Amino acid sequence: MPHWSTVYHYFRKWQKEGVWERAVQTLARRDREREGRYASPSALVLDSQSVVTGIARILQTTEKGGPGETTGQRK
């Protein structure tokens, strides 16, 4: 097994070169074709409530002083 720093070096190198993004796109395209659909989706639908909820979830934290910290008081 290679040393972690070697693995990380190649991970970052490939990330900067866009290898991971291309791999994900290729796999998604193959899955769509395997299901008999067009390789590229023709439309995208976003639900703004889901987007806001997702962002709020990311911003929550339990770190001391963070936005998710409770003060021990009831609402």
PDB file of N, CA and C in Angstrom:
ATOM      1  N   MET A   1       0.854  -1.175   0.000  1.00  0.00           N
ATOM      2  CA  MET A   1       0.000   0.000   0.000  1.00  0.00           C
ATOM      3  C   MET A   1       0.903   1.242   0.000  1.00  0.00           C
ATOM      4  N   PRO A   2       0.613   2.214  -0.881  1.00  0.00           N
ATOM      5  CA  PRO A   2       1.458   3.409  -0.934  1.00  0.00           C
ATOM      6  C   PRO A   2       1.256   4.295   0.291  1.00  0.00           C
ATOM      7  N   HIS A   3       2.250   5.115   0.559  1.00  0.00           N
ATOM      8  CA  HIS A   3       2.186   6.068   1.665  1.00  0.00           C
ATOM      9  C   HIS A   3       1.055   7.057   1.399  1.00  0.00           C
ATOM     10  N   TRP A   4       0.391   7.537   2.437  1.00  0.00           N
ATOM     11  CA  TRP A   4      -0.758   8.424   2.274  1.00  0.00           C
ATOM     12  C   TRP A   4      -0.400   9.681   1.504  1.00  0.00           C
ATOM     13  N   SER A   5       0.815  10.190   1.689  1.00  0.00           N
ATOM     14  CA  SER A   5       1.185  11.433   1.003  1.00  0.00           C
ATOM     15  C   SER A   5       1.293  11.229  -0.508  1.00  0.00           C
ATOM     16  N   THR A   6       1.689  10.028  -0.929  1.00  0.00           N
ATOM     17  CA  THR A   6       1.745   9.720  -2.361  1.00  0.00           C
ATOM     18  C   THR A   6       0.337   9.690  -2.942  1.00  0.00           C
ATOM     19  N   VAL A   7      -0.560   9.039  -2.229  1.00  0.00           N
ATOM     20  CA  VAL A   7      -1.955   8.963  -2.676  1.00  0.00           C
ATOM     21  C   VAL A   7      -2.551  10.365  -2.754  1.00  0.00           C
ATOM     22  N   TYR A   8      -2.311  11.170  -1.727  1.00  0.00           N
ATOM     23  CA  TYR A   8      -2.862  12.528  -1.694  1.00  0.00           C
ATOM     24  C   TYR A   8      -2.286  13.377  -2.828  1.00  0.00           C
ATOM     25  N   HIS A   9      -1.002  13.211  -3.102  1.00  0.00           N
ATOM     26  CA  HIS A   9      -0.355  13.951  -4.190  1.00  0.00           C
ATOM     27  C   HIS A   9      -1.089  13.699  -5.510  1.00  0.00           C
ATOM     28  N   TYR A  10      -1.332  12.437  -5.819  1.00  0.00           N
ATOM     29  CA  TYR A  10      -2.005  12.111  -7.077  1.00  0.00           C
ATOM     30  C   TYR A  10      -3.469  12.545  -7.067  1.00  0.00           C
ATOM     31  N   PHE A  11      -4.121  12.412  -5.916  1.00  0.00           N
ATOM     32  CA  PHE A  11      -5.503  12.878  -5.811  1.00  0.00           C
ATOM     33  C   PHE A  11      -5.587  14.355  -6.150  1.00  0.00           C
ATOM     34  N   ARG A  12      -4.741  15.190  -5.535  1.00  0.00           N
ATOM     35  CA  ARG A  12      -4.753  16.640  -5.784  1.00  0.00           C
ATOM     36  C   ARG A  12      -4.376  16.952  -7.226  1.00  0.00           C
ATOM     37  N   LYS A  13      -3.393  16.241  -7.757  1.00  0.00           N
ATOM     38  CA  LYS A  13      -2.952  16.461  -9.139  1.00  0.00           C
ATOM     39  C   LYS A  13      -4.112  16.208 -10.093  1.00  0.00           C
ATOM     40  N   TRP A  14      -4.782  15.083  -9.908  1.00  0.00           N
ATOM     41  CA  TRP A  14      -5.895  14.731 -10.788  1.00  0.00           C
ATOM     42  C   TRP A  14      -7.083  15.663 -10.569  1.00  0.00           C
ATOM     43  N   GLN A  15      -7.256  16.123  -9.332  1.00  0.00           N
ATOM     44  CA  GLN A  15      -8.338  17.057  -9.054  1.00  0.00           C
ATOM     45  C   GLN A  15      -8.100  18.368  -9.805  1.00  0.00           C
ATOM     46  N   LYS A  16      -6.879  18.875  -9.756  1.00  0.00           N
ATOM     47  CA  LYS A  16      -6.536  20.117 -10.459  1.00  0.00           C
ATOM     48  C   LYS A  16      -6.669  19.964 -11.967  1.00  0.00           C
ATOM     49  N   GLU A  17      -6.393  18.773 -12.487  1.00  0.00           N
ATOM     50  CA  GLU A  17      -6.471  18.521 -13.928  1.00  0.00           C
ATOM     51  C   GLU A  17      -7.891  18.199 -14.390  1.00  0.00           C
ATOM     52  N   GLY A  18      -8.825  18.079 -13.445  1.00  0.00           N
ATOM     53  CA  GLY A  18     -10.214  17.805 -13.800  1.00  0.00           C
ATOM     54  C   GLY A  18     -10.513  16.341 -14.081  1.00  0.00           C
ATOM     55  N   VAL A  19      -9.608  15.459 -13.683  1.00  0.00           N
ATOM     56  CA  VAL A  19      -9.799  14.028 -13.944  1.00  0.00           C
ATOM     57  C   VAL A  19     -11.051  13.506 -13.244  1.00  0.00           C
ATOM     58  N   TRP A  20     -11.255  13.880 -11.993  1.00  0.00           N
ATOM     59  CA  TRP A  20     -12.406  13.375 -11.235  1.00  0.00           C
ATOM     60  C   TRP A  20     -13.710  13.863 -11.850  1.00  0.00           C
ATOM     61  N   GLU A  21     -13.755  15.135 -12.248  1.00  0.00           N
ATOM     62  CA  GLU A  21     -14.966  15.686 -12.858  1.00  0.00           C
ATOM     63  C   GLU A  21     -15.298  14.962 -14.159  1.00  0.00           C
ATOM     64  N   ARG A  22     -14.287  14.726 -14.982  1.00  0.00           N
ATOM     65  CA  ARG A  22     -14.517  14.006 -16.241  1.00  0.00           C
ATOM     66  C   ARG A  22     -14.975  12.573 -15.981  1.00  0.00           C
ATOM     67  N   ALA A  23     -14.412  11.941 -14.958  1.00  0.00           N
ATOM     68  CA  ALA A  23     -14.810  10.565 -14.632  1.00  0.00           C
ATOM     69  C   ALA A  23     -16.277  10.515 -14.213  1.00  0.00           C
ATOM     70  N   VAL A  24     -16.702  11.457 -13.381  1.00  0.00           N
ATOM     71  CA  VAL A  24     -18.096  11.503 -12.938  1.00  0.00           C
ATOM     72  C   VAL A  24     -19.019  11.747 -14.130  1.00  0.00           C
ATOM     73  N   GLN A  25     -18.639  12.677 -15.004  1.00  0.00           N
ATOM     74  CA  GLN A  25     -19.460  12.968 -16.186  1.00  0.00           C
ATOM     75  C   GLN A  25     -19.559  11.753 -17.104  1.00  0.00           C
ATOM     76  N   THR A  26     -18.438  11.062 -17.302  1.00  0.00           N
ATOM     77  CA  THR A  26     -18.433   9.875 -18.160  1.00  0.00           C
ATOM     78  C   THR A  26     -19.321   8.780 -17.586  1.00  0.00           C
ATOM     79  N   LEU A  27     -19.209   8.542 -16.277  1.00  0.00           N
ATOM     80  CA  LEU A  27     -20.040   7.512 -15.644  1.00  0.00           C
ATOM     81  C   LEU A  27     -21.521   7.865 -15.712  1.00  0.00           C
ATOM     82  N   ALA A  28     -21.849   9.135 -15.498  1.00  0.00           N
ATOM     83  CA  ALA A  28     -23.250   9.562 -15.574  1.00  0.00           C
ATOM     84  C   ALA A  28     -23.784   9.387 -16.994  1.00  0.00           C
ATOM     85  N   ARG A  29     -22.963   9.754 -17.984  1.00  0.00           N
ATOM     86  CA  ARG A  29     -23.374   9.607 -19.386  1.00  0.00           C
ATOM     87  C   ARG A  29     -23.617   8.132 -19.720  1.00  0.00           C
ATOM     88  N   ARG A  30     -22.731   7.251 -19.266  1.00  0.00           N
ATOM     89  CA  ARG A  30     -22.893   5.811 -19.528  1.00  0.00           C
ATOM     90  C   ARG A  30     -24.149   5.258 -18.868  1.00  0.00           C
ATOM     91  N   ASP A  31     -24.407   5.693 -17.639  1.00  0.00           N
ATOM     92  CA  ASP A  31     -25.615   5.233 -16.945  1.00  0.00           C
ATOM     93  C   ASP A  31     -26.872   5.663 -17.692  1.00  0.00           C
ATOM     94  N   ARG A  32     -26.894   6.909 -18.153  1.00  0.00           N
ATOM     95  CA  ARG A  32     -28.060   7.410 -18.893  1.00  0.00           C
ATOM     96  C   ARG A  32     -28.260   6.615 -20.178  1.00  0.00           C
ATOM     97  N   GLU A  33     -27.165   6.356 -20.897  1.00  0.00           N
ATOM     98  CA  GLU A  33     -27.266   5.597 -22.146  1.00  0.00           C
ATOM     99  C   GLU A  33     -27.717   4.163 -21.879  1.00  0.00           C
ATOM    100  N   ARG A  34     -27.227   3.568 -20.804  1.00  0.00           N
ATOM    101  CA  ARG A  34     -27.602   2.202 -20.445  1.00  0.00           C
ATOM    102  C   ARG A  34     -29.098   2.112 -20.144  1.00  0.00           C
ATOM    103  N   GLU A  35     -29.658   3.205 -19.620  1.00  0.00           N
ATOM    104  CA  GLU A  35     -31.092   3.246 -19.314  1.00  0.00           C
ATOM    105  C   GLU A  35     -31.928   3.645 -20.526  1.00  0.00           C
ATOM    106  N   GLY A  36     -31.268   3.836 -21.677  1.00  0.00           N
ATOM    107  CA  GLY A  36     -31.992   4.188 -22.890  1.00  0.00           C
ATOM    108  C   GLY A  36     -32.351   5.655 -23.001  1.00  0.00           C
ATOM    109  N   ARG A  37     -31.680   6.507 -22.237  1.00  0.00           N
ATOM    110  CA  ARG A  37     -31.952   7.943 -22.294  1.00  0.00           C
ATOM    111  C   ARG A  37     -30.829   8.638 -23.054  1.00  0.00           C
ATOM    112  N   TYR A  38     -31.051   9.913 -23.384  1.00  0.00           N
ATOM    113  CA  TYR A  38     -29.998  10.693 -24.025  1.00  0.00           C
ATOM    114  C   TYR A  38     -28.810  10.806 -23.073  1.00  0.00           C
ATOM    115  N   ALA A  39     -27.618  10.901 -23.651  1.00  0.00           N
ATOM    116  CA  ALA A  39     -26.406  10.967 -22.832  1.00  0.00           C
ATOM    117  C   ALA A  39     -26.393  12.197 -21.938  1.00  0.00           C
ATOM    118  N   SER A  40     -26.921  13.308 -22.433  1.00  0.00           N
ATOM    119  CA  SER A  40     -26.963  14.548 -21.651  1.00  0.00           C
ATOM    120  C   SER A  40     -28.405  14.875 -21.301  1.00  0.00           C
ATOM    121  N   PRO A  41     -28.664  15.270 -20.061  1.00  0.00           N
ATOM    122  CA  PRO A  41     -30.030  15.641 -19.707  1.00  0.00           C
ATOM    123  C   PRO A  41     -30.451  16.882 -20.487  1.00  0.00           C
ATOM    124  N   SER A  42     -31.720  16.939 -20.859  1.00  0.00           N
ATOM    125  CA  SER A  42     -32.203  18.073 -21.641  1.00  0.00           C
ATOM    126  C   SER A  42     -32.741  19.192 -20.761  1.00  0.00           C
ATOM    127  N   ALA A  43     -32.966  18.921 -19.487  1.00  0.00           N
ATOM    128  CA  ALA A  43     -33.510  19.940 -18.593  1.00  0.00           C
ATOM    129  C   ALA A  43     -33.025  19.685 -17.174  1.00  0.00           C
ATOM    130  N   LEU A  44     -33.062  20.744 -16.391  1.00  0.00           N
ATOM    131  CA  LEU A  44     -32.684  20.656 -14.987  1.00  0.00           C
ATOM    132  C   LEU A  44     -33.723  21.415 -14.190  1.00  0.00           C
ATOM    133  N   VAL A  45     -34.214  20.810 -13.137  1.00  0.00           N
ATOM    134  CA  VAL A  45     -35.211  21.454 -12.297  1.00  0.00           C
ATOM    135  C   VAL A  45     -34.621  21.610 -10.905  1.00  0.00           C
ATOM    136  N   LEU A  46     -34.662  22.840 -10.398  1.00  0.00           N
ATOM    137  CA  LEU A  46     -34.191  23.114  -9.044  1.00  0.00           C
ATOM    138  C   LEU A  46     -35.360  23.592  -8.205  1.00  0.00           C
ATOM    139  N   ASP A  47     -35.447  23.072  -7.024  1.00  0.00           N
ATOM    140  CA  ASP A  47     -36.450  23.514  -6.075  1.00  0.00           C
ATOM    141  C   ASP A  47     -35.741  24.463  -5.122  1.00  0.00           C
ATOM    142  N   SER A  48     -36.091  25.735  -5.161  1.00  0.00           N
ATOM    143  CA  SER A  48     -35.360  26.725  -4.365  1.00  0.00           C
ATOM    144  C   SER A  48     -35.431  26.428  -2.873  1.00  0.00           C
ATOM    145  N   GLN A  49     -36.521  25.854  -2.405  1.00  0.00           N
ATOM    146  CA  GLN A  49     -36.627  25.528  -0.986  1.00  0.00           C
ATOM    147  C   GLN A  49     -35.595  24.466  -0.610  1.00  0.00           C
ATOM    148  N   SER A  50     -35.394  23.493  -1.476  1.00  0.00           N
ATOM    149  CA  SER A  50     -34.405  22.454  -1.210  1.00  0.00           C
ATOM    150  C   SER A  50     -33.004  23.030  -1.192  1.00  0.00           C
ATOM    151  N   VAL A  51     -32.735  23.968  -2.092  1.00  0.00           N
ATOM    152  CA  VAL A  51     -31.416  24.592  -2.154  1.00  0.00           C
ATOM    153  C   VAL A  51     -31.146  25.356  -0.873  1.00  0.00           C
ATOM    154  N   VAL A  52     -32.111  26.150  -0.422  1.00  0.00           N
ATOM    155  CA  VAL A  52     -31.940  26.928   0.801  1.00  0.00           C
ATOM    156  C   VAL A  52     -31.764  26.000   1.991  1.00  0.00           C
ATOM    157  N   THR A  53     -32.560  24.945   2.068  1.00  0.00           N
ATOM    158  CA  THR A  53     -32.452  23.989   3.165  1.00  0.00           C
ATOM    159  C   THR A  53     -31.078  23.335   3.165  1.00  0.00           C
ATOM    160  N   GLY A  54     -30.585  22.975   1.980  1.00  0.00           N
ATOM    161  CA  GLY A  54     -29.266  22.357   1.873  1.00  0.00           C
ATOM    162  C   GLY A  54     -28.174  23.282   2.354  1.00  0.00           C
ATOM    163  N   ILE A  55     -28.252  24.558   1.977  1.00  0.00           N
ATOM    164  CA  ILE A  55     -27.244  25.531   2.404  1.00  0.00           C
ATOM    165  C   ILE A  55     -27.316  25.721   3.911  1.00  0.00           C
ATOM    166  N   ALA A  56     -28.524  25.816   4.448  1.00  0.00           N
ATOM    167  CA  ALA A  56     -28.680  25.988   5.892  1.00  0.00           C
ATOM    168  C   ALA A  56     -28.070  24.814   6.639  1.00  0.00           C
ATOM    169  N   ARG A  57     -28.242  23.609   6.100  1.00  0.00           N
ATOM    170  CA  ARG A  57     -27.692  22.419   6.737  1.00  0.00           C
ATOM    171  C   ARG A  57     -26.163  22.470   6.740  1.00  0.00           C
ATOM    172  N   ILE A  58     -25.589  22.966   5.652  1.00  0.00           N
ATOM    173  CA  ILE A  58     -24.134  23.068   5.559  1.00  0.00           C
ATOM    174  C   ILE A  58     -23.607  24.066   6.582  1.00  0.00           C
ATOM    175  N   LEU A  59     -24.344  25.167   6.778  1.00  0.00           N
ATOM    176  CA  LEU A  59     -23.879  26.224   7.671  1.00  0.00           C
ATOM    177  C   LEU A  59     -24.017  25.863   9.143  1.00  0.00           C
ATOM    178  N   GLN A  60     -24.857  24.888   9.455  1.00  0.00           N
ATOM    179  CA  GLN A  60     -25.031  24.505  10.856  1.00  0.00           C
ATOM    180  C   GLN A  60     -23.763  23.855  11.381  1.00  0.00           C
ATOM    181  N   THR A  61     -23.441  24.150  12.587  1.00  0.00           N
ATOM    182  CA  THR A  61     -22.282  23.543  13.220  1.00  0.00           C
ATOM    183  C   THR A  61     -22.537  23.467  14.708  1.00  0.00           C
ATOM    184  N   THR A  62     -21.841  22.586  15.353  1.00  0.00           N
ATOM    185  CA  THR A  62     -21.963  22.496  16.806  1.00  0.00           C
ATOM    186  C   THR A  62     -20.700  23.006  17.478  1.00  0.00           C
ATOM    187  N   GLU A  63     -19.825  23.649  16.684  1.00  0.00           N
ATOM    188  CA  GLU A  63     -18.610  24.194  17.277  1.00  0.00           C
ATOM    189  C   GLU A  63     -18.969  25.308  18.243  1.00  0.00           C
ATOM    190  N   LYS A  64     -18.154  25.482  19.260  1.00  0.00           N
ATOM    191  CA  LYS A  64     -18.402  26.523  20.250  1.00  0.00           C
ATOM    192  C   LYS A  64     -18.437  27.881  19.560  1.00  0.00           C
ATOM    193  N   GLY A  65     -19.518  28.593  19.771  1.00  0.00           N
ATOM    194  CA  GLY A  65     -19.673  29.908  19.173  1.00  0.00           C
ATOM    195  C   GLY A  65     -20.204  29.883  17.755  1.00  0.00           C
ATOM    196  N   GLY A  66     -20.400  28.685  17.193  1.00  0.00           N
ATOM    197  CA  GLY A  66     -20.896  28.567  15.819  1.00  0.00           C
ATOM    198  C   GLY A  66     -22.395  28.797  15.759  1.00  0.00           C
ATOM    199  N   PRO A  67     -22.941  28.940  14.546  1.00  0.00           N
ATOM    200  CA  PRO A  67     -24.360  29.229  14.399  1.00  0.00           C
ATOM    201  C   PRO A  67     -25.281  28.121  14.902  1.00  0.00           C
ATOM    202  N   GLY A  68     -24.792  26.893  15.038  1.00  0.00           N
ATOM    203  CA  GLY A  68     -25.632  25.803  15.506  1.00  0.00           C
ATOM    204  C   GLY A  68     -25.559  25.589  17.008  1.00  0.00           C
ATOM    205  N   GLU A  69     -24.774  26.408  17.682  1.00  0.00           N
ATOM    206  CA  GLU A  69     -24.600  26.235  19.123  1.00  0.00           C
ATOM    207  C   GLU A  69     -25.882  26.609  19.860  1.00  0.00           C
ATOM    208  N   THR A  70     -26.231  25.794  20.836  1.00  0.00           N
ATOM    209  CA  THR A  70     -27.410  26.108  21.636  1.00  0.00           C
ATOM    210  C   THR A  70     -26.976  26.879  22.866  1.00  0.00           C
ATOM    211  N   THR A  71     -27.859  27.749  23.327  1.00  0.00           N
ATOM    212  CA  THR A  71     -27.530  28.560  24.494  1.00  0.00           C
ATOM    213  C   THR A  71     -28.142  27.991  25.759  1.00  0.00           C
ATOM    214  N   GLY A  72     -28.894  26.895  25.613  1.00  0.00           N
ATOM    215  CA  GLY A  72     -29.533  26.307  26.779  1.00  0.00           C
ATOM    216  C   GLY A  72     -30.884  26.936  27.075  1.00  0.00           C
ATOM    217  N   GLN A  73     -31.282  27.918  26.293  1.00  0.00           N
ATOM    218  CA  GLN A  73     -32.568  28.577  26.496  1.00  0.00           C
ATOM    219  C   GLN A  73     -33.606  27.949  25.587  1.00  0.00           C
ATOM    220  N   ARG A  74     -34.849  27.999  26.051  1.00  0.00           N
ATOM    221  CA  ARG A  74     -35.952  27.498  25.232  1.00  0.00           C
ATOM    222  C   ARG A  74     -36.393  28.585  24.269  1.00  0.00           C
ATOM    223  N   LYS A  75     -36.915  28.122  23.134  1.00  0.00           N
ATOM    224  CA  LYS A  75     -37.459  29.094  22.170  1.00  0.00           C
ATOM    225  C   LYS A  75     -38.870  29.446  22.533  1.00  0.00           C
TER     226      LYS A  75
END
